[in-house]
Each structure stands twice: as C-alpha cells, then as structure tokens.
PDB file of N, CA and C in Angstrom:
ATOM      1  N   UNK A   1     107.428  77.311  88.405  1.00  0.00           N
ATOM      2  CA  UNK A   1     107.015  77.113  89.777  1.00  0.00           C
ATOM      3  C   UNK A   1     105.689  77.875  89.985  1.00  0.00           C
ATOM      4  N   UNK A   2     104.647  77.209  90.505  1.00  0.00           N
ATOM      5  CA  UNK A   2     103.398  77.873  90.856  1.00  0.00           C
ATOM      6  C   UNK A   2     103.527  78.786  92.037  1.00  0.00           C
ATOM      7  N   UNK A   3     102.800  79.915  91.881  1.00  0.00           N
ATOM      8  CA  UNK A   3     102.759  80.901  92.940  1.00  0.00           C
ATOM      9  C   UNK A   3     101.540  80.780  93.790  1.00  0.00           C
ATOM     10  N   UNK A   4     101.656  81.187  95.108  1.00  0.00           N
ATOM     11  CA  UNK A   4     100.497  81.211  95.917  1.00  0.00           C
ATOM     12  C   UNK A   4      99.987  82.589  96.025  1.00  0.00           C
ATOM     13  N   UNK A   5     100.510  83.482  95.209  1.00  0.00           N
ATOM     14  CA  UNK A   5     100.127  84.967  95.260  1.00  0.00           C
ATOM     15  C   UNK A   5      98.834  85.142  94.500  1.00  0.00           C
ATOM     16  N   UNK A   6      98.029  86.099  94.990  1.00  0.00           N
ATOM     17  CA  UNK A   6      96.746  86.422  94.326  1.00  0.00           C
ATOM     18  C   UNK A   6      96.636  87.945  94.226  1.00  0.00           C
ATOM     19  N   UNK A   7      95.793  88.346  93.282  1.00  0.00           N
ATOM     20  CA  UNK A   7      95.393  89.722  93.160  1.00  0.00           C
ATOM     21  C   UNK A   7      93.873  89.729  93.502  1.00  0.00           C
ATOM     22  N   UNK A   8      93.518  90.509  94.487  1.00  0.00           N
ATOM     23  CA  UNK A   8      92.166  90.731  94.927  1.00  0.00           C
ATOM     24  C   UNK A   8      91.670  92.097  94.406  1.00  0.00           C
ATOM     25  N   UNK A   9      90.461  92.075  93.784  1.00  0.00           N
ATOM     26  CA  UNK A   9      89.897  93.306  93.292  1.00  0.00           C
ATOM     27  C   UNK A   9      88.636  93.663  94.056  1.00  0.00           C
ATOM     28  N   UNK A  10      88.553  94.921  94.486  1.00  0.00           N
ATOM     29  CA  UNK A  10      87.376  95.454  95.099  1.00  0.00           C
ATOM     30  C   UNK A  10      87.116  96.876  94.572  1.00  0.00           C
ATOM     31  N   UNK A  11      85.914  97.367  94.662  1.00  0.00           N
ATOM     32  CA  UNK A  11      85.666  98.717  94.288  1.00  0.00           C
ATOM     33  C   UNK A  11      85.034  99.410  95.458  1.00  0.00           C
ATOM     34  N   UNK A  12      85.280 100.716  95.536  1.00  0.00           N
ATOM     35  CA  UNK A  12      84.754 101.563  96.612  1.00  0.00           C
ATOM     36  C   UNK A  12      84.256 102.903  96.002  1.00  0.00           C
ATOM     37  N   UNK A  13      83.388 103.519  96.757  1.00  0.00           N
ATOM     38  CA  UNK A  13      82.747 104.746  96.172  1.00  0.00           C
ATOM     39  C   UNK A  13      83.606 105.941  96.129  1.00  0.00           C
ATOM     40  N   UNK A  14      84.626 106.097  96.981  1.00  0.00           N
ATOM     41  CA  UNK A  14      85.466 107.263  97.032  1.00  0.00           C
ATOM     42  C   UNK A  14      86.812 106.971  97.672  1.00  0.00           C
ATOM     43  N   UNK A  15      87.620 108.081  97.663  1.00  0.00           N
ATOM     44  CA  UNK A  15      88.980 107.949  98.183  1.00  0.00           C
ATOM     45  C   UNK A  15      89.029 107.741  99.644  1.00  0.00           C
ATOM     46  N   UNK A  16      88.119 108.294 100.363  1.00  0.00           N
ATOM     47  CA  UNK A  16      88.064 108.163 101.887  1.00  0.00           C
ATOM     48  C   UNK A  16      87.836 106.639 102.147  1.00  0.00           C
ATOM     49  N   UNK A  17      86.863 106.005 101.495  1.00  0.00           N
ATOM     50  CA  UNK A  17      86.612 104.527 101.723  1.00  0.00           C
ATOM     51  C   UNK A  17      87.782 103.766 101.366  1.00  0.00           C
ATOM     52  N   UNK A  18      88.484 104.150 100.237  1.00  0.00           N
ATOM     53  CA  UNK A  18      89.660 103.425  99.794  1.00  0.00           C
ATOM     54  C   UNK A  18      90.732 103.499 100.826  1.00  0.00           C
ATOM     55  N   UNK A  19      90.992 104.677 101.442  1.00  0.00           N
ATOM     56  CA  UNK A  19      92.014 104.796 102.446  1.00  0.00           C
ATOM     57  C   UNK A  19      91.712 103.973 103.708  1.00  0.00           C
ATOM     58  N   UNK A  20      90.513 103.839 104.161  1.00  0.00           N
ATOM     59  CA  UNK A  20      90.149 103.138 105.303  1.00  0.00           C
ATOM     60  C   UNK A  20      90.466 101.600 105.020  1.00  0.00           C
ATOM     61  N   UNK A  21      90.106 101.085 103.852  1.00  0.00           N
ATOM     62  CA  UNK A  21      90.397  99.698 103.605  1.00  0.00           C
ATOM     63  C   UNK A  21      91.906  99.396 103.356  1.00  0.00           C
ATOM     64  N   UNK A  22      92.526 100.374 102.625  1.00  0.00           N
ATOM     65  CA  UNK A  22      93.958 100.211 102.350  1.00  0.00           C
ATOM     66  C   UNK A  22      94.713 100.193 103.674  1.00  0.00           C
ATOM     67  N   UNK A  23      94.489 101.174 104.527  1.00  0.00           N
ATOM     68  CA  UNK A  23      95.189 101.187 105.808  1.00  0.00           C
ATOM     69  C   UNK A  23      94.948  99.966 106.650  1.00  0.00           C
ATOM     70  N   UNK A  24      93.688  99.515 106.699  1.00  0.00           N
ATOM     71  CA  UNK A  24      93.414  98.296 107.543  1.00  0.00           C
ATOM     72  C   UNK A  24      94.144  97.080 107.006  1.00  0.00           C
ATOM     73  N   UNK A  25      94.115  96.856 105.693  1.00  0.00           N
ATOM     74  CA  UNK A  25      94.786  95.726 105.077  1.00  0.00           C
ATOM     75  C   UNK A  25      96.280  95.687 105.273  1.00  0.00           C
ATOM     76  N   UNK A  26      96.889  96.890 105.134  1.00  0.00           N
ATOM     77  CA  UNK A  26      98.354  96.985 105.297  1.00  0.00           C
ATOM     78  C   UNK A  26      98.779  96.917 106.699  1.00  0.00           C
ATOM     79  N   UNK A  27      98.007  97.576 107.655  1.00  0.00           N
ATOM     80  CA  UNK A  27      98.430  97.410 109.019  1.00  0.00           C
ATOM     81  C   UNK A  27      98.243  96.001 109.556  1.00  0.00           C
ATOM     82  N   UNK A  28      97.366  95.277 109.083  1.00  0.00           N
ATOM     83  CA  UNK A  28      97.175  93.858 109.523  1.00  0.00           C
ATOM     84  C   UNK A  28      97.982  92.918 108.679  1.00  0.00           C
ATOM     85  N   UNK A  29      98.794  93.402 107.825  1.00  0.00           N
ATOM     86  CA  UNK A  29      99.652  92.580 106.922  1.00  0.00           C
ATOM     87  C   UNK A  29      98.953  91.608 106.110  1.00  0.00           C
ATOM     88  N   UNK A  30      97.777  91.955 105.680  1.00  0.00           N
ATOM     89  CA  UNK A  30      96.930  91.030 104.776  1.00  0.00           C
ATOM     90  C   UNK A  30      97.275  91.371 103.281  1.00  0.00           C
ATOM     91  N   UNK A  31      97.958  92.396 103.050  1.00  0.00           N
ATOM     92  CA  UNK A  31      98.310  92.722 101.655  1.00  0.00           C
ATOM     93  C   UNK A  31      99.708  93.279 101.706  1.00  0.00           C
ATOM     94  N   UNK A  32     100.422  93.102 100.672  1.00  0.00           N
ATOM     95  CA  UNK A  32     101.758  93.662 100.479  1.00  0.00           C
ATOM     96  C   UNK A  32     101.773  94.987  99.732  1.00  0.00           C
ATOM     97  N   UNK A  33     100.842  95.141  98.828  1.00  0.00           N
ATOM     98  CA  UNK A  33     100.778  96.308  97.974  1.00  0.00           C
ATOM     99  C   UNK A  33      99.375  96.510  97.558  1.00  0.00           C
ATOM    100  N   UNK A  34      98.911  97.761  97.441  1.00  0.00           N
ATOM    101  CA  UNK A  34      97.548  97.984  96.954  1.00  0.00           C
ATOM    102  C   UNK A  34      97.626  99.205  96.013  1.00  0.00           C
ATOM    103  N   UNK A  35      97.112  98.990  94.849  1.00  0.00           N
ATOM    104  CA  UNK A  35      97.124 100.077  93.800  1.00  0.00           C
ATOM    105  C   UNK A  35      95.707 100.551  93.621  1.00  0.00           C
ATOM    106  N   UNK A  36      95.512 101.839  93.255  1.00  0.00           N
ATOM    107  CA  UNK A  36      94.181 102.337  93.021  1.00  0.00           C
ATOM    108  C   UNK A  36      94.080 103.006  91.670  1.00  0.00           C
ATOM    109  N   UNK A  37      92.833 102.938  91.161  1.00  0.00           N
ATOM    110  CA  UNK A  37      92.534 103.542  89.896  1.00  0.00           C
ATOM    111  C   UNK A  37      91.111 104.012  89.911  1.00  0.00           C
ATOM    112  N   UNK A  38      90.843 105.233  89.383  1.00  0.00           N
ATOM    113  CA  UNK A  38      89.468 105.658  89.238  1.00  0.00           C
ATOM    114  C   UNK A  38      88.908 104.953  87.999  1.00  0.00           C
ATOM    115  N   UNK A  39      87.721 104.417  88.105  1.00  0.00           N
ATOM    116  CA  UNK A  39      87.052 103.669  86.973  1.00  0.00           C
ATOM    117  C   UNK A  39      85.577 104.050  86.897  1.00  0.00           C
ATOM    118  N   UNK A  40      85.084 103.815  85.755  1.00  0.00           N
ATOM    119  CA  UNK A  40      83.589 103.863  85.597  1.00  0.00           C
ATOM    120  C   UNK A  40      83.014 102.459  85.685  1.00  0.00           C
ATOM    121  N   UNK A  41      81.932 102.408  86.591  1.00  0.00           N
ATOM    122  CA  UNK A  41      81.313 101.071  86.775  1.00  0.00           C
ATOM    123  C   UNK A  41      79.829 101.190  86.261  1.00  0.00           C
ATOM    124  N   UNK A  42      79.454 100.155  85.527  1.00  0.00           N
ATOM    125  CA  UNK A  42      78.180 100.079  84.980  1.00  0.00           C
ATOM    126  C   UNK A  42      77.553  98.752  85.348  1.00  0.00           C
ATOM    127  N   UNK A  43      76.438  98.714  86.057  1.00  0.00           N
ATOM    128  CA  UNK A  43      75.901  97.444  86.612  1.00  0.00           C
ATOM    129  C   UNK A  43      74.456  97.514  86.911  1.00  0.00           C
ATOM    130  N   UNK A  44      73.822  96.408  87.136  1.00  0.00           N
ATOM    131  CA  UNK A  44      72.437  96.300  87.570  1.00  0.00           C
ATOM    132  C   UNK A  44      72.415  96.168  89.060  1.00  0.00           C
ATOM    133  N   UNK A  45      71.507  97.004  89.737  1.00  0.00           N
ATOM    134  CA  UNK A  45      71.354  96.951  91.152  1.00  0.00           C
ATOM    135  C   UNK A  45      69.877  97.230  91.472  1.00  0.00           C
ATOM    136  N   UNK A  46      69.225  96.225  92.073  1.00  0.00           N
ATOM    137  CA  UNK A  46      67.792  96.309  92.433  1.00  0.00           C
ATOM    138  C   UNK A  46      66.956  96.741  91.219  1.00  0.00           C
ATOM    139  N   UNK A  47      67.201  96.030  90.155  1.00  0.00           N
ATOM    140  CA  UNK A  47      66.441  96.248  88.953  1.00  0.00           C
ATOM    141  C   UNK A  47      66.733  97.435  88.094  1.00  0.00           C
ATOM    142  N   UNK A  48      67.729  98.214  88.450  1.00  0.00           N
ATOM    143  CA  UNK A  48      68.037  99.448  87.760  1.00  0.00           C
ATOM    144  C   UNK A  48      69.467  99.326  87.145  1.00  0.00           C
ATOM    145  N   UNK A  49      69.662 100.053  86.003  1.00  0.00           N
ATOM    146  CA  UNK A  49      70.974 100.203  85.428  1.00  0.00           C
ATOM    147  C   UNK A  49      71.609 101.344  86.172  1.00  0.00           C
ATOM    148  N   UNK A  50      72.836 101.108  86.642  1.00  0.00           N
ATOM    149  CA  UNK A  50      73.553 102.089  87.397  1.00  0.00           C
ATOM    150  C   UNK A  50      74.912 102.435  86.747  1.00  0.00           C
ATOM    151  N   UNK A  51      75.242 103.678  86.738  1.00  0.00           N
ATOM    152  CA  UNK A  51      76.547 104.210  86.167  1.00  0.00           C
ATOM    153  C   UNK A  51      77.141 105.018  87.305  1.00  0.00           C
ATOM    154  N   UNK A  52      78.295 104.603  87.764  1.00  0.00           N
ATOM    155  CA  UNK A  52      78.980 105.267  88.850  1.00  0.00           C
ATOM    156  C   UNK A  52      80.480 105.421  88.562  1.00  0.00           C
ATOM    157  N   UNK A  53      81.102 106.397  89.279  1.00  0.00           N
ATOM    158  CA  UNK A  53      82.537 106.504  89.203  1.00  0.00           C
ATOM    159  C   UNK A  53      82.928 105.869  90.546  1.00  0.00           C
ATOM    160  N   UNK A  54      83.902 104.905  90.536  1.00  0.00           N
ATOM    161  CA  UNK A  54      84.357 104.310  91.710  1.00  0.00           C
ATOM    162  C   UNK A  54      85.856 104.246  91.668  1.00  0.00           C
ATOM    163  N   UNK A  55      86.464 103.801  92.741  1.00  0.00           N
ATOM    164  CA  UNK A  55      87.918 103.471  92.814  1.00  0.00           C
ATOM    165  C   UNK A  55      88.006 102.012  92.902  1.00  0.00           C
ATOM    166  N   UNK A  56      88.889 101.459  92.074  1.00  0.00           N
ATOM    167  CA  UNK A  56      89.279 100.094  91.953  1.00  0.00           C
ATOM    168  C   UNK A  56      90.486  99.876  92.887  1.00  0.00           C
ATOM    169  N   UNK A  57      90.410  98.934  93.791  1.00  0.00           N
ATOM    170  CA  UNK A  57      91.635  98.586  94.605  1.00  0.00           C
ATOM    171  C   UNK A  57      92.165  97.316  94.092  1.00  0.00           C
ATOM    172  N   UNK A  58      93.416  97.276  93.642  1.00  0.00           N
ATOM    173  CA  UNK A  58      94.112  96.175  93.154  1.00  0.00           C
ATOM    174  C   UNK A  58      95.101  95.707  94.279  1.00  0.00           C
ATOM    175  N   UNK A  59      94.690  94.631  95.003  1.00  0.00           N
ATOM    176  CA  UNK A  59      95.366  94.283  96.162  1.00  0.00           C
ATOM    177  C   UNK A  59      96.242  93.009  95.917  1.00  0.00           C
ATOM    178  N   UNK A  60      97.472  92.991  96.282  1.00  0.00           N
ATOM    179  CA  UNK A  60      98.435  91.938  96.156  1.00  0.00           C
ATOM    180  C   UNK A  60      98.520  91.166  97.489  1.00  0.00           C
ATOM    181  N   UNK A  61      98.162  89.929  97.464  1.00  0.00           N
ATOM    182  CA  UNK A  61      98.176  89.159  98.683  1.00  0.00           C
ATOM    183  C   UNK A  61      98.518  87.660  98.437  1.00  0.00           C
ATOM    184  N   UNK A  62      98.152  86.793  99.382  1.00  0.00           N
ATOM    185  CA  UNK A  62      98.433  85.329  99.261  1.00  0.00           C
ATOM    186  C   UNK A  62      97.150  84.563  99.471  1.00  0.00           C
ATOM    187  N   UNK A  63      97.115  83.391  98.958  1.00  0.00           N
ATOM    188  CA  UNK A  63      95.985  82.484  99.196  1.00  0.00           C
ATOM    189  C   UNK A  63      95.692  82.269 100.698  1.00  0.00           C
ATOM    190  N   UNK A  64      96.776  82.125 101.415  1.00  0.00           N
ATOM    191  CA  UNK A  64      96.661  81.829 102.872  1.00  0.00           C
ATOM    192  C   UNK A  64      95.877  83.090 103.624  1.00  0.00           C
ATOM    193  N   UNK A  65      96.119  84.223 103.189  1.00  0.00           N
ATOM    194  CA  UNK A  65      95.623  85.433 103.864  1.00  0.00           C
ATOM    195  C   UNK A  65      94.168  85.822 103.331  1.00  0.00           C
ATOM    196  N   UNK A  66      93.723  85.152 102.313  1.00  0.00           N
ATOM    197  CA  UNK A  66      92.532  85.546 101.598  1.00  0.00           C
ATOM    198  C   UNK A  66      91.335  85.652 102.621  1.00  0.00           C
ATOM    199  N   UNK A  67      91.117  84.690 103.435  1.00  0.00           N
ATOM    200  CA  UNK A  67      89.877  84.533 104.234  1.00  0.00           C
ATOM    201  C   UNK A  67      89.883  85.857 105.208  1.00  0.00           C
ATOM    202  N   UNK A  68      90.962  86.139 105.862  1.00  0.00           N
ATOM    203  CA  UNK A  68      91.005  87.192 106.716  1.00  0.00           C
ATOM    204  C   UNK A  68      90.901  88.546 105.994  1.00  0.00           C
ATOM    205  N   UNK A  69      91.536  88.642 104.839  1.00  0.00           N
ATOM    206  CA  UNK A  69      91.431  89.813 103.931  1.00  0.00           C
ATOM    207  C   UNK A  69      89.969  90.074 103.549  1.00  0.00           C
ATOM    208  N   UNK A  70      89.297  89.046 103.085  1.00  0.00           N
ATOM    209  CA  UNK A  70      87.868  89.170 102.773  1.00  0.00           C
ATOM    210  C   UNK A  70      87.051  89.678 103.863  1.00  0.00           C
ATOM    211  N   UNK A  71      87.238  89.060 105.065  1.00  0.00           N
ATOM    212  CA  UNK A  71      86.384  89.493 106.259  1.00  0.00           C
ATOM    213  C   UNK A  71      86.673  90.972 106.681  1.00  0.00           C
ATOM    214  N   UNK A  72      87.955  91.372 106.513  1.00  0.00           N
ATOM    215  CA  UNK A  72      88.277  92.801 106.858  1.00  0.00           C
ATOM    216  C   UNK A  72      87.587  93.726 105.858  1.00  0.00           C
ATOM    217  N   UNK A  73      87.708  93.403 104.647  1.00  0.00           N
ATOM    218  CA  UNK A  73      87.028  94.230 103.574  1.00  0.00           C
ATOM    219  C   UNK A  73      85.566  94.329 103.897  1.00  0.00           C
ATOM    220  N   UNK A  74      84.906  93.226 104.140  1.00  0.00           N
ATOM    221  CA  UNK A  74      83.432  93.264 104.427  1.00  0.00           C
ATOM    222  C   UNK A  74      83.158  94.120 105.673  1.00  0.00           C
ATOM    223  N   UNK A  75      84.028  94.002 106.680  1.00  0.00           N
ATOM    224  CA  UNK A  75      83.809  94.752 107.864  1.00  0.00           C
ATOM    225  C   UNK A  75      83.916  96.290 107.709  1.00  0.00           C
ATOM    226  N   UNK A  76      84.916  96.705 106.808  1.00  0.00           N
ATOM    227  CA  UNK A  76      85.220  98.091 106.634  1.00  0.00           C
ATOM    228  C   UNK A  76      84.460  98.734 105.494  1.00  0.00           C
ATOM    229  N   UNK A  77      83.800  97.877 104.620  1.00  0.00           N
ATOM    230  CA  UNK A  77      83.203  98.382 103.382  1.00  0.00           C
ATOM    231  C   UNK A  77      81.830  98.950 103.639  1.00  0.00           C
ATOM    232  N   UNK A  78      81.462 100.040 102.904  1.00  0.00           N
ATOM    233  CA  UNK A  78      80.167 100.644 103.017  1.00  0.00           C
ATOM    234  C   UNK A  78      79.092  99.995 102.115  1.00  0.00           C
ATOM    235  N   UNK A  79      79.523  99.174 101.144  1.00  0.00           N
ATOM    236  CA  UNK A  79      78.540  98.574 100.277  1.00  0.00           C
ATOM    237  C   UNK A  79      77.877  97.456 100.882  1.00  0.00           C
ATOM    238  N   UNK A  80      76.593  97.254 100.604  1.00  0.00           N
ATOM    239  CA  UNK A  80      75.820  96.023 101.073  1.00  0.00           C
ATOM    240  C   UNK A  80      76.397  94.761 100.504  1.00  0.00           C
ATOM    241  N   UNK A  81      76.779  94.697  99.229  1.00  0.00           N
ATOM    242  CA  UNK A  81      77.328  93.555  98.620  1.00  0.00           C
ATOM    243  C   UNK A  81      78.586  94.039  97.795  1.00  0.00           C
ATOM    244  N   UNK A  82      79.725  94.093  98.455  1.00  0.00           N
ATOM    245  CA  UNK A  82      80.918  94.585  97.822  1.00  0.00           C
ATOM    246  C   UNK A  82      81.504  93.536  96.780  1.00  0.00           C
ATOM    247  N   UNK A  83      82.061  94.064  95.739  1.00  0.00           N
ATOM    248  CA  UNK A  83      82.784  93.150  94.799  1.00  0.00           C
ATOM    249  C   UNK A  83      84.102  92.779  95.636  1.00  0.00           C
ATOM    250  N   UNK A  84      84.362  91.492  95.740  1.00  0.00           N
ATOM    251  CA  UNK A  84      85.600  91.011  96.316  1.00  0.00           C
ATOM    252  C   UNK A  84      85.867  89.752  95.471  1.00  0.00           C
ATOM    253  N   UNK A  85      86.810  89.822  94.617  1.00  0.00           N
ATOM    254  CA  UNK A  85      87.164  88.671  93.732  1.00  0.00           C
ATOM    255  C   UNK A  85      88.736  88.492  93.791  1.00  0.00           C
ATOM    256  N   UNK A  86      89.119  87.250  93.823  1.00  0.00           N
ATOM    257  CA  UNK A  86      90.549  86.926  93.859  1.00  0.00           C
ATOM    258  C   UNK A  86      90.902  86.224  92.541  1.00  0.00           C
ATOM    259  N   UNK A  87      92.064  86.680  92.035  1.00  0.00           N
ATOM    260  CA  UNK A  87      92.630  86.089  90.735  1.00  0.00           C
ATOM    261  C   UNK A  87      93.944  85.489  91.141  1.00  0.00           C
ATOM    262  N   UNK A  88      94.256  84.321  90.705  1.00  0.00           N
ATOM    263  CA  UNK A  88      95.553  83.721  90.986  1.00  0.00           C
ATOM    264  C   UNK A  88      96.616  84.419  90.175  1.00  0.00           C
ATOM    265  N   UNK A  89      97.816  84.575  90.697  1.00  0.00           N
ATOM    266  CA  UNK A  89      98.926  85.066  89.986  1.00  0.00           C
ATOM    267  C   UNK A  89      99.710  83.819  89.642  1.00  0.00           C
ATOM    268  N   UNK A  90      99.607  83.371  88.467  1.00  0.00           N
ATOM    269  CA  UNK A  90     100.132  82.039  87.985  1.00  0.00           C
ATOM    270  C   UNK A  90     101.720  82.024  88.085  1.00  0.00           C
ATOM    271  N   UNK A  91     102.236  83.136  87.637  1.00  0.00           N
ATOM    272  CA  UNK A  91     103.671  83.288  87.506  1.00  0.00           C
ATOM    273  C   UNK A  91     104.056  84.807  87.636  1.00  0.00           C
ATOM    274  N   UNK A  92     105.336  85.006  87.992  1.00  0.00           N
ATOM    275  CA  UNK A  92     105.795  86.384  88.060  1.00  0.00           C
ATOM    276  C   UNK A  92     107.230  86.404  88.305  1.00  0.00           C
ATOM    277  N   UNK A  93     107.779  87.603  88.367  1.00  0.00           N
ATOM    278  CA  UNK A  93     109.194  87.810  88.730  1.00  0.00           C
ATOM    279  C   UNK A  93     109.409  87.397  90.190  1.00  0.00           C
ATOM    280  N   UNK A  94     110.173  86.324  90.318  1.00  0.00           N
ATOM    281  CA  UNK A  94     110.440  85.686  91.519  1.00  0.00           C
ATOM    282  C   UNK A  94     110.804  86.576  92.712  1.00  0.00           C
ATOM    283  N   UNK A  95     111.796  87.514  92.475  1.00  0.00           N
ATOM    284  CA  UNK A  95     112.077  88.412  93.598  1.00  0.00           C
ATOM    285  C   UNK A  95     110.896  89.287  94.059  1.00  0.00           C
ATOM    286  N   UNK A  96     109.983  89.695  93.109  1.00  0.00           N
ATOM    287  CA  UNK A  96     108.805  90.401  93.563  1.00  0.00           C
ATOM    288  C   UNK A  96     107.838  89.487  94.296  1.00  0.00           C
ATOM    289  N   UNK A  97     107.685  88.287  93.843  1.00  0.00           N
ATOM    290  CA  UNK A  97     106.757  87.398  94.488  1.00  0.00           C
ATOM    291  C   UNK A  97     107.330  87.002  95.914  1.00  0.00           C
ATOM    292  N   UNK A  98     108.602  86.919  96.022  1.00  0.00           N
ATOM    293  CA  UNK A  98     109.241  86.654  97.353  1.00  0.00           C
ATOM    294  C   UNK A  98     108.985  87.837  98.289  1.00  0.00           C
ATOM    295  N   UNK A  99     109.074  89.102  97.721  1.00  0.00           N
ATOM    296  CA  UNK A  99     108.853  90.241  98.541  1.00  0.00           C
ATOM    297  C   UNK A  99     107.406  90.340  98.964  1.00  0.00           C
ATOM    298  N   UNK A 100     106.459  90.046  98.089  1.00  0.00           N
ATOM    299  CA  UNK A 100     105.081  90.013  98.376  1.00  0.00           C
ATOM    300  C   UNK A 100     104.809  89.059  99.528  1.00  0.00           C
ATOM    301  N   UNK A 101     105.291  87.809  99.360  1.00  0.00           N
ATOM    302  CA  UNK A 101     105.017  86.805 100.406  1.00  0.00           C
ATOM    303  C   UNK A 101     105.625  87.225 101.751  1.00  0.00           C
ATOM    304  N   UNK A 102     106.760  87.907 101.838  1.00  0.00           N
ATOM    305  CA  UNK A 102     107.479  88.261 103.009  1.00  0.00           C
ATOM    306  C   UNK A 102     106.610  89.467 103.773  1.00  0.00           C
ATOM    307  N   UNK A 103     105.727  90.097 103.094  1.00  0.00           N
ATOM    308  CA  UNK A 103     104.974  91.172 103.666  1.00  0.00           C
ATOM    309  C   UNK A 103     103.532  90.836 103.984  1.00  0.00           C
ATOM    310  N   UNK A 104     103.138  89.645 103.815  1.00  0.00           N
ATOM    311  CA  UNK A 104     101.809  89.174 104.040  1.00  0.00           C
ATOM    312  C   UNK A 104     101.854  88.033 105.199  1.00  0.00           C
ATOM    313  N   UNK A 105     101.066  88.237 106.258  1.00  0.00           N
ATOM    314  CA  UNK A 105     100.959  87.202 107.251  1.00  0.00           C
ATOM    315  C   UNK A 105      99.893  86.182 106.819  1.00  0.00           C
ATOM    316  N   UNK A 106     100.204  84.914 106.949  1.00  0.00           N
ATOM    317  CA  UNK A 106      99.095  83.878 106.563  1.00  0.00           C
ATOM    318  C   UNK A 106      97.920  83.957 107.522  1.00  0.00           C
TER     319      UNK A 106
END
C-alpha cells in the first residue's frame, strides 16, 4: 500500500533557528516528528565555495500538509534561499505511518 507520508529536509545555521522552525511546525501540526543532526555543508553561493556547519532538520509529514509546511519554513527561515526538499516515504511500518498521519493536519 502506497503511503502519503513524506520526509522534508531543510538546513539551518544554528540550534536557535532550528528550535524556532521545529516549534512552529509542531504547534501548527504540520509535522509529526522532527529529528536534528549537525552536518557539514559544502556548496556554491554567489560564485564562492562555502563550507559551513549547519543543522539538518528531518521532518516527517504528509503530502497534504506540504504547501503549508513549506510556507511556514520560508516565513521562519533566516536564509534567502533555504533548502526545502520533500522525499516520498514509499513504504513503512504501518502503525508508525498511521501515527504520523494522525498527528499532521492536512
């Protein structure tokens, strides 16, 4: 059975920014669970090679909530062009996916 669950990835510069976005998404029930991890990011920006330490937010949500989730991240994010990408969750443990769906408003 196909899932309508998604994993959304975004990066932020620090824990304070992460907490603002995490709190906003959870309070508005646009995500059921958000995990964080400190990562090294290497990218091109305005013609320069950049190397930064960032926090990766791994956001569990649904296709139906994605538009609102994306808008809220953009509203709360400090970056001019934040990474916001959604990956489908093709399959998973059904009780977990049911829990996820029950905690996200469409």
